[in-house]
Every structure is written in structure tokens, then in C-alpha cells.
PDB file of N, CA and C in Angstrom:
ATOM      1  N   MET A   1       0.840  -1.175   0.000  1.00  0.00           N
ATOM      2  CA  MET A   1       0.000   0.000   0.000  1.00  0.00           C
ATOM      3  C   MET A   1       0.889   1.243   0.000  1.00  0.00           C
ATOM      4  N   THR A   2       0.588   2.174  -0.838  1.00  0.00           N
ATOM      5  CA  THR A   2       1.336   3.419  -0.951  1.00  0.00           C
ATOM      6  C   THR A   2       0.660   4.505  -0.122  1.00  0.00           C
ATOM      7  N   ILE A   3       1.488   5.246   0.606  1.00  0.00           N
ATOM      8  CA  ILE A   3       0.971   6.341   1.417  1.00  0.00           C
ATOM      9  C   ILE A   3       0.752   7.549   0.510  1.00  0.00           C
ATOM     10  N   PRO A   4      -0.452   8.132   0.511  1.00  0.00           N
ATOM     11  CA  PRO A   4      -0.726   9.270  -0.372  1.00  0.00           C
ATOM     12  C   PRO A   4       0.085  10.513   0.010  1.00  0.00           C
ATOM     13  N   SER A   5       0.346  11.341  -0.980  1.00  0.00           N
ATOM     14  CA  SER A   5       1.115  12.574  -0.766  1.00  0.00           C
ATOM     15  C   SER A   5       0.448  13.494   0.248  1.00  0.00           C
ATOM     16  N   SER A   6      -0.873  13.529   0.257  1.00  0.00           N
ATOM     17  CA  SER A   6      -1.580  14.404   1.195  1.00  0.00           C
ATOM     18  C   SER A   6      -1.290  14.001   2.640  1.00  0.00           C
ATOM     19  N   PHE A   7      -1.154  12.699   2.896  1.00  0.00           N
ATOM     20  CA  PHE A   7      -0.837  12.223   4.243  1.00  0.00           C
ATOM     21  C   PHE A   7       0.589  12.626   4.633  1.00  0.00           C
ATOM     22  N   LYS A   8       1.526  12.485   3.690  1.00  0.00           N
ATOM     23  CA  LYS A   8       2.910  12.882   3.946  1.00  0.00           C
ATOM     24  C   LYS A   8       3.000  14.379   4.240  1.00  0.00           C
ATOM     25  N   THR A   9       2.202  15.170   3.539  1.00  0.00           N
ATOM     26  CA  THR A   9       2.174  16.611   3.767  1.00  0.00           C
ATOM     27  C   THR A   9       1.650  16.930   5.163  1.00  0.00           C
ATOM     28  N   LYS A  10       0.622  16.237   5.611  1.00  0.00           N
ATOM     29  CA  LYS A  10       0.077  16.441   6.962  1.00  0.00           C
ATOM     30  C   LYS A  10       1.107  16.081   8.025  1.00  0.00           C
ATOM     31  N   ILE A  11       1.853  14.987   7.799  1.00  0.00           N
ATOM     32  CA  ILE A  11       2.906  14.594   8.737  1.00  0.00           C
ATOM     33  C   ILE A  11       3.945  15.711   8.830  1.00  0.00           C
ATOM     34  N   ALA A  12       4.379  16.203   7.693  1.00  0.00           N
ATOM     35  CA  ALA A  12       5.390  17.259   7.661  1.00  0.00           C
ATOM     36  C   ALA A  12       4.909  18.511   8.370  1.00  0.00           C
ATOM     37  N   ASP A  13       3.677  18.908   8.097  1.00  0.00           N
ATOM     38  CA  ASP A  13       3.124  20.114   8.717  1.00  0.00           C
ATOM     39  C   ASP A  13       3.007  19.973  10.231  1.00  0.00           C
ATOM     40  N   THR A  14       2.757  18.765  10.703  1.00  0.00           N
ATOM     41  CA  THR A  14       2.539  18.524  12.134  1.00  0.00           C
ATOM     42  C   THR A  14       3.833  18.320  12.906  1.00  0.00           C
ATOM     43  N   PHE A  15       4.744  17.500  12.383  1.00  0.00           N
ATOM     44  CA  PHE A  15       5.898  17.065  13.163  1.00  0.00           C
ATOM     45  C   PHE A  15       7.225  17.714  12.795  1.00  0.00           C
ATOM     46  N   TYR A  16       7.401  18.159  11.567  1.00  0.00           N
ATOM     47  CA  TYR A  16       8.690  18.684  11.140  1.00  0.00           C
ATOM     48  C   TYR A  16       8.755  20.177  11.425  1.00  0.00           C
ATOM     49  N   ASP A  17       9.021  20.490  12.707  1.00  0.00           N
ATOM     50  CA  ASP A  17       8.953  21.872  13.167  1.00  0.00           C
ATOM     51  C   ASP A  17      10.310  22.482  13.512  1.00  0.00           C
ATOM     52  N   LYS A  18      11.389  21.771  13.280  1.00  0.00           N
ATOM     53  CA  LYS A  18      12.727  22.285  13.572  1.00  0.00           C
ATOM     54  C   LYS A  18      13.444  22.580  12.262  1.00  0.00           C
ATOM     55  N   THR A  19      14.288  23.608  12.268  1.00  0.00           N
ATOM     56  CA  THR A  19      15.066  23.967  11.083  1.00  0.00           C
ATOM     57  C   THR A  19      16.467  23.388  11.214  1.00  0.00           C
ATOM     58  N   ILE A  20      16.859  22.619  10.214  1.00  0.00           N
ATOM     59  CA  ILE A  20      18.175  21.988  10.169  1.00  0.00           C
ATOM     60  C   ILE A  20      18.927  22.595   8.984  1.00  0.00           C
ATOM     61  N   SER A  21      20.192  22.923   9.191  1.00  0.00           N
ATOM     62  CA  SER A  21      21.018  23.514   8.143  1.00  0.00           C
ATOM     63  C   SER A  21      21.849  22.430   7.468  1.00  0.00           C
ATOM     64  N   LEU A  22      21.970  22.514   6.155  1.00  0.00           N
ATOM     65  CA  LEU A  22      22.833  21.622   5.379  1.00  0.00           C
ATOM     66  C   LEU A  22      24.009  22.443   4.896  1.00  0.00           C
ATOM     67  N   TYR A  23      25.236  21.971   5.173  1.00  0.00           N
ATOM     68  CA  TYR A  23      26.447  22.697   4.820  1.00  0.00           C
ATOM     69  C   TYR A  23      27.193  21.995   3.695  1.00  0.00           C
ATOM     70  N   SER A  24      27.830  22.771   2.848  1.00  0.00           N
ATOM     71  CA  SER A  24      28.772  22.210   1.884  1.00  0.00           C
ATOM     72  C   SER A  24      30.158  22.352   2.505  1.00  0.00           C
ATOM     73  N   THR A  25      31.026  21.399   2.238  1.00  0.00           N
ATOM     74  CA  THR A  25      32.362  21.417   2.844  1.00  0.00           C
ATOM     75  C   THR A  25      33.423  21.501   1.758  1.00  0.00           C
ATOM     76  N   SER A  26      34.558  22.030   2.149  1.00  0.00           N
ATOM     77  CA  SER A  26      35.708  22.085   1.242  1.00  0.00           C
ATOM     78  C   SER A  26      36.979  22.004   2.075  1.00  0.00           C
ATOM     79  N   ASN A  27      38.046  21.561   1.425  1.00  0.00           N
ATOM     80  CA  ASN A  27      39.354  21.512   2.072  1.00  0.00           C
ATOM     81  C   ASN A  27      40.159  22.710   1.616  1.00  0.00           C
ATOM     82  N   THR A  28      40.790  23.384   2.562  1.00  0.00           N
ATOM     83  CA  THR A  28      41.685  24.490   2.227  1.00  0.00           C
ATOM     84  C   THR A  28      43.063  24.170   2.780  1.00  0.00           C
ATOM     85  N   VAL A  29      44.075  24.582   2.065  1.00  0.00           N
ATOM     86  CA  VAL A  29      45.454  24.346   2.490  1.00  0.00           C
ATOM     87  C   VAL A  29      46.090  25.698   2.738  1.00  0.00           C
ATOM     88  N   ASP A  30      46.670  25.862   3.945  1.00  0.00           N
ATOM     89  CA  ASP A  30      47.294  27.147   4.263  1.00  0.00           C
ATOM     90  C   ASP A  30      48.713  27.214   3.687  1.00  0.00           C
ATOM     91  N   GLY A  31      49.394  28.299   3.932  1.00  0.00           N
ATOM     92  CA  GLY A  31      50.728  28.536   3.388  1.00  0.00           C
ATOM     93  C   GLY A  31      51.782  27.554   3.863  1.00  0.00           C
ATOM     94  N   GLU A  32      51.535  26.917   4.997  1.00  0.00           N
ATOM     95  CA  GLU A  32      52.496  25.957   5.535  1.00  0.00           C
ATOM     96  C   GLU A  32      52.138  24.523   5.163  1.00  0.00           C
ATOM     97  N   GLY A  33      51.077  24.355   4.369  1.00  0.00           N
ATOM     98  CA  GLY A  33      50.722  23.009   3.903  1.00  0.00           C
ATOM     99  C   GLY A  33      49.712  22.267   4.758  1.00  0.00           C
ATOM    100  N   TRP A  34      49.182  22.898   5.785  1.00  0.00           N
ATOM    101  CA  TRP A  34      48.182  22.248   6.630  1.00  0.00           C
ATOM    102  C   TRP A  34      46.826  22.274   5.932  1.00  0.00           C
ATOM    103  N   SER A  35      46.169  21.133   5.903  1.00  0.00           N
ATOM    104  CA  SER A  35      44.851  21.027   5.284  1.00  0.00           C
ATOM    105  C   SER A  35      43.783  21.167   6.366  1.00  0.00           C
ATOM    106  N   ARG A  36      42.730  21.905   6.026  1.00  0.00           N
ATOM    107  CA  ARG A  36      41.663  22.137   6.995  1.00  0.00           C
ATOM    108  C   ARG A  36      40.326  22.092   6.272  1.00  0.00           C
ATOM    109  N   LYS A  37      39.346  21.420   6.886  1.00  0.00           N
ATOM    110  CA  LYS A  37      37.999  21.396   6.337  1.00  0.00           C
ATOM    111  C   LYS A  37      37.264  22.646   6.795  1.00  0.00           C
ATOM    112  N   SER A  38      36.502  23.224   5.876  1.00  0.00           N
ATOM    113  CA  SER A  38      35.654  24.351   6.238  1.00  0.00           C
ATOM    114  C   SER A  38      34.256  24.074   5.706  1.00  0.00           C
ATOM    115  N   SER A  39      33.281  24.759   6.270  1.00  0.00           N
ATOM    116  CA  SER A  39      31.893  24.526   5.870  1.00  0.00           C
ATOM    117  C   SER A  39      31.206  25.854   5.573  1.00  0.00           C
ATOM    118  N   THR A  40      30.278  25.800   4.609  1.00  0.00           N
ATOM    119  CA  THR A  40      29.501  26.955   4.204  1.00  0.00           C
ATOM    120  C   THR A  40      28.042  26.546   4.138  1.00  0.00           C
ATOM    121  N   LEU A  41      27.163  27.374   4.688  1.00  0.00           N
ATOM    122  CA  LEU A  41      25.736  27.072   4.664  1.00  0.00           C
ATOM    123  C   LEU A  41      25.254  26.948   3.223  1.00  0.00           C
ATOM    124  N   SER A  42      24.601  25.825   2.936  1.00  0.00           N
ATOM    125  CA  SER A  42      24.106  25.563   1.591  1.00  0.00           C
ATOM    126  C   SER A  42      22.600  25.773   1.504  1.00  0.00           C
ATOM    127  N   THR A  43      21.851  25.150   2.414  1.00  0.00           N
ATOM    128  CA  THR A  43      20.392  25.257   2.429  1.00  0.00           C
ATOM    129  C   THR A  43      19.877  24.825   3.799  1.00  0.00           C
ATOM    130  N   THR A  44      18.585  24.923   4.003  1.00  0.00           N
ATOM    131  CA  THR A  44      17.960  24.439   5.232  1.00  0.00           C
ATOM    132  C   THR A  44      16.766  23.576   4.865  1.00  0.00           C
ATOM    133  N   PHE A  45      16.353  22.733   5.816  1.00  0.00           N
ATOM    134  CA  PHE A  45      15.146  21.939   5.656  1.00  0.00           C
ATOM    135  C   PHE A  45      14.506  21.752   7.028  1.00  0.00           C
ATOM    136  N   SER A  46      13.261  21.306   7.033  1.00  0.00           N
ATOM    137  CA  SER A  46      12.530  21.101   8.288  1.00  0.00           C
ATOM    138  C   SER A  46      12.512  19.627   8.646  1.00  0.00           C
ATOM    139  N   GLY A  47      12.568  19.365   9.943  1.00  0.00           N
ATOM    140  CA  GLY A  47      12.542  17.990  10.420  1.00  0.00           C
ATOM    141  C   GLY A  47      12.210  17.935  11.887  1.00  0.00           C
ATOM    142  N   ASN A  48      12.172  16.731  12.405  1.00  0.00           N
ATOM    143  CA  ASN A  48      11.957  16.478  13.818  1.00  0.00           C
ATOM    144  C   ASN A  48      13.280  15.983  14.378  1.00  0.00           C
ATOM    145  N   VAL A  49      13.743  16.557  15.472  1.00  0.00           N
ATOM    146  CA  VAL A  49      15.056  16.265  16.022  1.00  0.00           C
ATOM    147  C   VAL A  49      14.923  15.463  17.307  1.00  0.00           C
ATOM    148  N   ARG A  50      15.793  14.462  17.435  1.00  0.00           N
ATOM    149  CA  ARG A  50      15.800  13.618  18.638  1.00  0.00           C
ATOM    150  C   ARG A  50      17.227  13.517  19.150  1.00  0.00           C
ATOM    151  N   MET A  51      17.405  13.885  20.435  1.00  0.00           N
ATOM    152  CA  MET A  51      18.721  13.812  21.061  1.00  0.00           C
ATOM    153  C   MET A  51      18.739  12.881  22.268  1.00  0.00           C
ATOM    154  N   ASP A  52      17.586  12.330  22.615  1.00  0.00           N
ATOM    155  CA  ASP A  52      17.525  11.468  23.785  1.00  0.00           C
ATOM    156  C   ASP A  52      17.144  10.045  23.386  1.00  0.00           C
ATOM    157  N   ASN A  53      17.424   9.103  24.281  1.00  0.00           N
ATOM    158  CA  ASN A  53      17.083   7.701  24.086  1.00  0.00           C
ATOM    159  C   ASN A  53      17.642   7.150  22.778  1.00  0.00           C
ATOM    160  N   LEU A  54      18.840   7.589  22.410  1.00  0.00           N
ATOM    161  CA  LEU A  54      19.447   7.165  21.157  1.00  0.00           C
ATOM    162  C   LEU A  54      19.923   5.717  21.205  1.00  0.00           C
ATOM    163  N   ALA A  55      20.226   5.209  22.400  1.00  0.00           N
ATOM    164  CA  ALA A  55      20.607   3.796  22.527  1.00  0.00           C
ATOM    165  C   ALA A  55      19.443   2.903  22.109  1.00  0.00           C
ATOM    166  N   LYS A  56      18.237   3.264  22.485  1.00  0.00           N
ATOM    167  CA  LYS A  56      17.045   2.511  22.099  1.00  0.00           C
ATOM    168  C   LYS A  56      16.828   2.600  20.582  1.00  0.00           C
ATOM    169  N   LEU A  57      17.031   3.779  20.019  1.00  0.00           N
ATOM    170  CA  LEU A  57      16.922   3.954  18.580  1.00  0.00           C
ATOM    171  C   LEU A  57      17.913   3.048  17.850  1.00  0.00           C
ATOM    172  N   LYS A  58      19.155   3.002  18.344  1.00  0.00           N
ATOM    173  CA  LYS A  58      20.173   2.153  17.728  1.00  0.00           C
ATOM    174  C   LYS A  58      19.777   0.685  17.823  1.00  0.00           C
ATOM    175  N   GLU A  59      19.294   0.286  18.982  1.00  0.00           N
ATOM    176  CA  GLU A  59      18.888  -1.107  19.189  1.00  0.00           C
ATOM    177  C   GLU A  59      17.706  -1.476  18.284  1.00  0.00           C
ATOM    178  N   ASP A  60      16.698  -0.629  18.233  1.00  0.00           N
ATOM    179  CA  ASP A  60      15.498  -0.899  17.436  1.00  0.00           C
ATOM    180  C   ASP A  60      15.795  -1.007  15.942  1.00  0.00           C
ATOM    181  N   ASN A  61      16.785  -0.244  15.471  1.00  0.00           N
ATOM    182  CA  ASN A  61      17.087  -0.204  14.046  1.00  0.00           C
ATOM    183  C   ASN A  61      18.363  -0.958  13.671  1.00  0.00           C
ATOM    184  N   GLY A  62      19.003  -1.591  14.662  1.00  0.00           N
ATOM    185  CA  GLY A  62      20.216  -2.362  14.385  1.00  0.00           C
ATOM    186  C   GLY A  62      21.385  -1.520  13.921  1.00  0.00           C
ATOM    187  N   LEU A  63      21.491  -0.304  14.445  1.00  0.00           N
ATOM    188  CA  LEU A  63      22.562   0.612  14.027  1.00  0.00           C
ATOM    189  C   LEU A  63      23.841   0.342  14.800  1.00  0.00           C
ATOM    190  N   LYS A  64      24.963   0.395  14.117  1.00  0.00           N
ATOM    191  CA  LYS A  64      26.278   0.199  14.742  1.00  0.00           C
ATOM    192  C   LYS A  64      27.024   1.519  14.917  1.00  0.00           C
ATOM    193  N   GLU A  65      26.581   2.565  14.198  1.00  0.00           N
ATOM    194  CA  GLU A  65      27.261   3.843  14.214  1.00  0.00           C
ATOM    195  C   GLU A  65      27.082   4.561  15.553  1.00  0.00           C
ATOM    196  N   GLU A  66      28.048   5.432  15.870  1.00  0.00           N
ATOM    197  CA  GLU A  66      27.913   6.331  17.016  1.00  0.00           C
ATOM    198  C   GLU A  66      26.865   7.374  16.635  1.00  0.00           C
ATOM    199  N   VAL A  67      25.873   7.584  17.497  1.00  0.00           N
ATOM    200  CA  VAL A  67      24.777   8.499  17.175  1.00  0.00           C
ATOM    201  C   VAL A  67      24.645   9.554  18.268  1.00  0.00           C
ATOM    202  N   ASP A  68      24.709  10.837  17.869  1.00  0.00           N
ATOM    203  CA  ASP A  68      24.507  11.952  18.787  1.00  0.00           C
ATOM    204  C   ASP A  68      23.223  12.711  18.482  1.00  0.00           C
ATOM    205  N   LEU A  69      22.647  12.482  17.286  1.00  0.00           N
ATOM    206  CA  LEU A  69      21.455  13.204  16.849  1.00  0.00           C
ATOM    207  C   LEU A  69      20.722  12.346  15.827  1.00  0.00           C
ATOM    208  N   ALA A  70      19.402  12.302  15.949  1.00  0.00           N
ATOM    209  CA  ALA A  70      18.570  11.623  14.949  1.00  0.00           C
ATOM    210  C   ALA A  70      17.541  12.623  14.441  1.00  0.00           C
ATOM    211  N   ILE A  71      17.344  12.621  13.134  1.00  0.00           N
ATOM    212  CA  ILE A  71      16.411  13.541  12.486  1.00  0.00           C
ATOM    213  C   ILE A  71      15.456  12.721  11.633  1.00  0.00           C
ATOM    214  N   THR A  72      14.167  13.021  11.744  1.00  0.00           N
ATOM    215  CA  THR A  72      13.215  12.480  10.789  1.00  0.00           C
ATOM    216  C   THR A  72      12.717  13.649   9.949  1.00  0.00           C
ATOM    217  N   CYS A  73      12.561  13.391   8.661  1.00  0.00           N
ATOM    218  CA  CYS A  73      12.153  14.449   7.734  1.00  0.00           C
ATOM    219  C   CYS A  73      11.434  13.826   6.545  1.00  0.00           C
ATOM    220  N   ALA A  74      10.996  14.662   5.639  1.00  0.00           N
ATOM    221  CA  ALA A  74      10.328  14.201   4.426  1.00  0.00           C
ATOM    222  C   ALA A  74      11.300  13.391   3.574  1.00  0.00           C
ATOM    223  N   THR A  75      10.769  12.421   2.842  1.00  0.00           N
ATOM    224  CA  THR A  75      11.617  11.584   1.989  1.00  0.00           C
ATOM    225  C   THR A  75      12.235  12.382   0.842  1.00  0.00           C
ATOM    226  N   SER A  76      11.700  13.542   0.544  1.00  0.00           N
ATOM    227  CA  SER A  76      12.219  14.366  -0.554  1.00  0.00           C
ATOM    228  C   SER A  76      13.492  15.126  -0.196  1.00  0.00           C
ATOM    229  N   VAL A  77      13.859  15.175   1.083  1.00  0.00           N
ATOM    230  CA  VAL A  77      15.071  15.881   1.509  1.00  0.00           C
ATOM    231  C   VAL A  77      16.289  15.117   0.995  1.00  0.00           C
ATOM    232  N   SER A  78      17.199  15.827   0.334  1.00  0.00           N
ATOM    233  CA  SER A  78      18.385  15.213  -0.258  1.00  0.00           C
ATOM    234  C   SER A  78      19.574  15.358   0.691  1.00  0.00           C
ATOM    235  N   VAL A  79      19.872  14.271   1.407  1.00  0.00           N
ATOM    236  CA  VAL A  79      20.990  14.224   2.354  1.00  0.00           C
ATOM    237  C   VAL A  79      21.703  12.895   2.157  1.00  0.00           C
ATOM    238  N   ALA A  80      23.027  12.908   2.229  1.00  0.00           N
ATOM    239  CA  ALA A  80      23.808  11.689   2.036  1.00  0.00           C
ATOM    240  C   ALA A  80      24.793  11.509   3.186  1.00  0.00           C
ATOM    241  N   ILE A  81      25.271  10.292   3.338  1.00  0.00           N
ATOM    242  CA  ILE A  81      26.299   9.999   4.345  1.00  0.00           C
ATOM    243  C   ILE A  81      27.509  10.879   4.063  1.00  0.00           C
ATOM    244  N   GLY A  82      28.042  11.484   5.110  1.00  0.00           N
ATOM    245  CA  GLY A  82      29.189  12.375   4.985  1.00  0.00           C
ATOM    246  C   GLY A  82      28.816  13.843   4.929  1.00  0.00           C
ATOM    247  N   ASN A  83      27.544  14.156   4.651  1.00  0.00           N
ATOM    248  CA  ASN A  83      27.103  15.550   4.660  1.00  0.00           C
ATOM    249  C   ASN A  83      27.221  16.118   6.070  1.00  0.00           C
ATOM    250  N   ILE A  84      27.341  17.430   6.164  1.00  0.00           N
ATOM    251  CA  ILE A  84      27.412  18.125   7.448  1.00  0.00           C
ATOM    252  C   ILE A  84      26.099  18.874   7.654  1.00  0.00           C
ATOM    253  N   LEU A  85      25.456  18.631   8.805  1.00  0.00           N
ATOM    254  CA  LEU A  85      24.210  19.286   9.168  1.00  0.00           C
ATOM    255  C   LEU A  85      24.439  20.112  10.421  1.00  0.00           C
ATOM    256  N   GLY A  86      23.663  21.157  10.575  1.00  0.00           N
ATOM    257  CA  GLY A  86      23.740  21.978  11.770  1.00  0.00           C
ATOM    258  C   GLY A  86      22.390  22.058  12.434  1.00  0.00           C
ATOM    259  N   TYR A  87      22.407  21.917  13.749  1.00  0.00           N
ATOM    260  CA  TYR A  87      21.191  22.124  14.534  1.00  0.00           C
ATOM    261  C   TYR A  87      21.603  22.859  15.798  1.00  0.00           C
ATOM    262  N   GLY A  88      20.965  23.982  16.050  1.00  0.00           N
ATOM    263  CA  GLY A  88      21.411  24.833  17.151  1.00  0.00           C
ATOM    264  C   GLY A  88      22.778  25.382  16.781  1.00  0.00           C
ATOM    265  N   SER A  89      23.704  25.318  17.700  1.00  0.00           N
ATOM    266  CA  SER A  89      25.050  25.831  17.432  1.00  0.00           C
ATOM    267  C   SER A  89      26.055  24.708  17.151  1.00  0.00           C
ATOM    268  N   ILE A  90      25.569  23.478  16.983  1.00  0.00           N
ATOM    269  CA  ILE A  90      26.445  22.321  16.813  1.00  0.00           C
ATOM    270  C   ILE A  90      26.311  21.775  15.391  1.00  0.00           C
ATOM    271  N   LYS A  91      27.429  21.349  14.821  1.00  0.00           N
ATOM    272  CA  LYS A  91      27.428  20.708  13.510  1.00  0.00           C
ATOM    273  C   LYS A  91      27.610  19.205  13.684  1.00  0.00           C
ATOM    274  N   TYR A  92      26.942  18.465  12.813  1.00  0.00           N
ATOM    275  CA  TYR A  92      26.937  17.008  12.870  1.00  0.00           C
ATOM    276  C   TYR A  92      27.276  16.436  11.502  1.00  0.00           C
ATOM    277  N   GLU A  93      27.941  15.282  11.497  1.00  0.00           N
ATOM    278  CA  GLU A  93      28.215  14.553  10.262  1.00  0.00           C
ATOM    279  C   GLU A  93      27.194  13.432  10.121  1.00  0.00           C
ATOM    280  N   VAL A  94      26.608  13.297   8.946  1.00  0.00           N
ATOM    281  CA  VAL A  94      25.623  12.255   8.684  1.00  0.00           C
ATOM    282  C   VAL A  94      26.350  10.913   8.578  1.00  0.00           C
ATOM    283  N   VAL A  95      25.944   9.931   9.399  1.00  0.00           N
ATOM    284  CA  VAL A  95      26.554   8.597   9.369  1.00  0.00           C
ATOM    285  C   VAL A  95      25.579   7.535   8.875  1.00  0.00           C
ATOM    286  N   GLY A  96      24.309   7.894   8.721  1.00  0.00           N
ATOM    287  CA  GLY A  96      23.335   6.949   8.196  1.00  0.00           C
ATOM    288  C   GLY A  96      22.087   7.649   7.703  1.00  0.00           C
ATOM    289  N   VAL A  97      21.549   7.159   6.578  1.00  0.00           N
ATOM    290  CA  VAL A  97      20.306   7.692   6.015  1.00  0.00           C
ATOM    291  C   VAL A  97      19.430   6.487   5.679  1.00  0.00           C
ATOM    292  N   TYR A  98      18.231   6.451   6.258  1.00  0.00           N
ATOM    293  CA  TYR A  98      17.319   5.322   6.078  1.00  0.00           C
ATOM    294  C   TYR A  98      15.969   5.851   5.611  1.00  0.00           C
ATOM    295  N   VAL A  99      15.500   5.348   4.482  1.00  0.00           N
ATOM    296  CA  VAL A  99      14.257   5.823   3.892  1.00  0.00           C
ATOM    297  C   VAL A  99      13.134   4.834   4.192  1.00  0.00           C
ATOM    298  N   PHE A 100      12.030   5.357   4.721  1.00  0.00           N
ATOM    299  CA  PHE A 100      10.836   4.572   4.998  1.00  0.00           C
ATOM    300  C   PHE A 100       9.714   5.075   4.083  1.00  0.00           C
ATOM    301  N   ASP A 101       8.539   4.480   4.180  1.00  0.00           N
ATOM    302  CA  ASP A 101       7.413   4.883   3.326  1.00  0.00           C
ATOM    303  C   ASP A 101       7.033   6.347   3.499  1.00  0.00           C
ATOM    304  N   SER A 102       6.987   6.804   4.744  1.00  0.00           N
ATOM    305  CA  SER A 102       6.463   8.142   5.004  1.00  0.00           C
ATOM    306  C   SER A 102       7.519   9.153   5.431  1.00  0.00           C
ATOM    307  N   HIS A 103       8.748   8.712   5.701  1.00  0.00           N
ATOM    308  CA  HIS A 103       9.754   9.642   6.193  1.00  0.00           C
ATOM    309  C   HIS A 103      11.156   9.096   5.937  1.00  0.00           C
ATOM    310  N   LYS A 104      12.132   9.940   6.234  1.00  0.00           N
ATOM    311  CA  LYS A 104      13.535   9.577   6.143  1.00  0.00           C
ATOM    312  C   LYS A 104      14.142   9.751   7.531  1.00  0.00           C
ATOM    313  N   LEU A 105      14.933   8.779   7.992  1.00  0.00           N
ATOM    314  CA  LEU A 105      15.647   8.866   9.268  1.00  0.00           C
ATOM    315  C   LEU A 105      17.108   9.144   8.952  1.00  0.00           C
ATOM    316  N   ILE A 106      17.624  10.226   9.539  1.00  0.00           N
ATOM    317  CA  ILE A 106      19.019  10.616   9.365  1.00  0.00           C
ATOM    318  C   ILE A 106      19.684  10.531  10.729  1.00  0.00           C
ATOM    319  N   VAL A 107      20.765   9.755  10.836  1.00  0.00           N
ATOM    320  CA  VAL A 107      21.487   9.664  12.104  1.00  0.00           C
ATOM    321  C   VAL A 107      22.852  10.329  11.929  1.00  0.00           C
ATOM    322  N   CYS A 108      23.259  11.065  12.970  1.00  0.00           N
ATOM    323  CA  CYS A 108      24.455  11.896  12.888  1.00  0.00           C
ATOM    324  C   CYS A 108      25.305  11.755  14.146  1.00  0.00           C
ATOM    325  N   ARG A 109      26.568  12.087  13.990  1.00  0.00           N
ATOM    326  CA  ARG A 109      27.464  12.232  15.145  1.00  0.00           C
ATOM    327  C   ARG A 109      28.056  13.627  15.088  1.00  0.00           C
ATOM    328  N   LYS A 110      28.511  14.113  16.226  1.00  0.00           N
ATOM    329  CA  LYS A 110      29.085  15.455  16.270  1.00  0.00           C
ATOM    330  C   LYS A 110      30.275  15.516  15.325  1.00  0.00           C
ATOM    331  N   TRP A 111      30.373  16.632  14.597  1.00  0.00           N
ATOM    332  CA  TRP A 111      31.424  16.818  13.606  1.00  0.00           C
ATOM    333  C   TRP A 111      32.571  17.573  14.207  1.00  0.00           C
ATOM    334  N   ARG A 112      33.753  17.049  13.984  1.00  0.00           N
ATOM    335  CA  ARG A 112      34.971  17.737  14.416  1.00  0.00           C
ATOM    336  C   ARG A 112      35.672  18.260  13.187  1.00  0.00           C
ATOM    337  N   LEU A 113      36.052  19.511  13.225  1.00  0.00           N
ATOM    338  CA  LEU A 113      36.721  20.118  12.074  1.00  0.00           C
ATOM    339  C   LEU A 113      38.055  19.464  11.774  1.00  0.00           C
ATOM    340  N   SER A 114      38.750  18.958  12.791  1.00  0.00           N
ATOM    341  CA  SER A 114      40.099  18.410  12.583  1.00  0.00           C
ATOM    342  C   SER A 114      40.043  16.907  12.423  1.00  0.00           C
ATOM    343  N   GLN A 115      39.432  16.439  11.346  1.00  0.00           N
ATOM    344  CA  GLN A 115      39.370  15.002  11.089  1.00  0.00           C
ATOM    345  C   GLN A 115      40.382  14.608  10.066  1.00  0.00           C
TER     346      GLN A 115
END
């Protein structure tokens, strides 16, 4: 059974109330040869953010990755593993993207600039 678009729209309008930033990244090399990753805001999207009970989320979904943030959003949101997302004042690296009938689950870990 396929979930109608109108139902997906109602879900989005009801639950996806947080703004998440998507960043593009690039490597820059300074004059002494040190490489550094930098990020620039690319776009934003709406989603539902979860920062608690992540151990249960990992267990329920069989996830092995370290998870500091879970986001559910519309399936139309274009996010891939390795992308950098921002929520609040913290940036996160996407470590898993799982698509379901009515939503997409994105799991992230805190991003460190010096990787």
C-alpha cells in the first residue's frame, strides 16, 4: 500500500517543526601546507530532532554507528552519508540515512573540524 502525498504533507506540517542547516564542505590548504575542512551554509530543511534515548533507537534499528542526533524528515530531503548538518550551534556529520514509506531517518554524530 502506498501512502498518499496528502498524508505525507500532513505529517510534515505537524511534526517537522525544527530547522536543520545543510552545509557544503571544502578543504583548504594554508601557506604551511596544513589542510583544513571548512563549511559553508548551503540550504535548510525542516525535520523532527531527537537527542535522547538514542541507545534505544540504535537497538530498534540495528545501528552500529555512534549516534549523537537523529532527524526524521520528508523523503524528498536530499541528504547523504558524509554531509554536514547543523542544529542549534552544533554541527553534525551524517553517518546513516534510512528511507521509509512516510519519512527519512538521518542519524548523525558530532562533527569535528580536525578530522
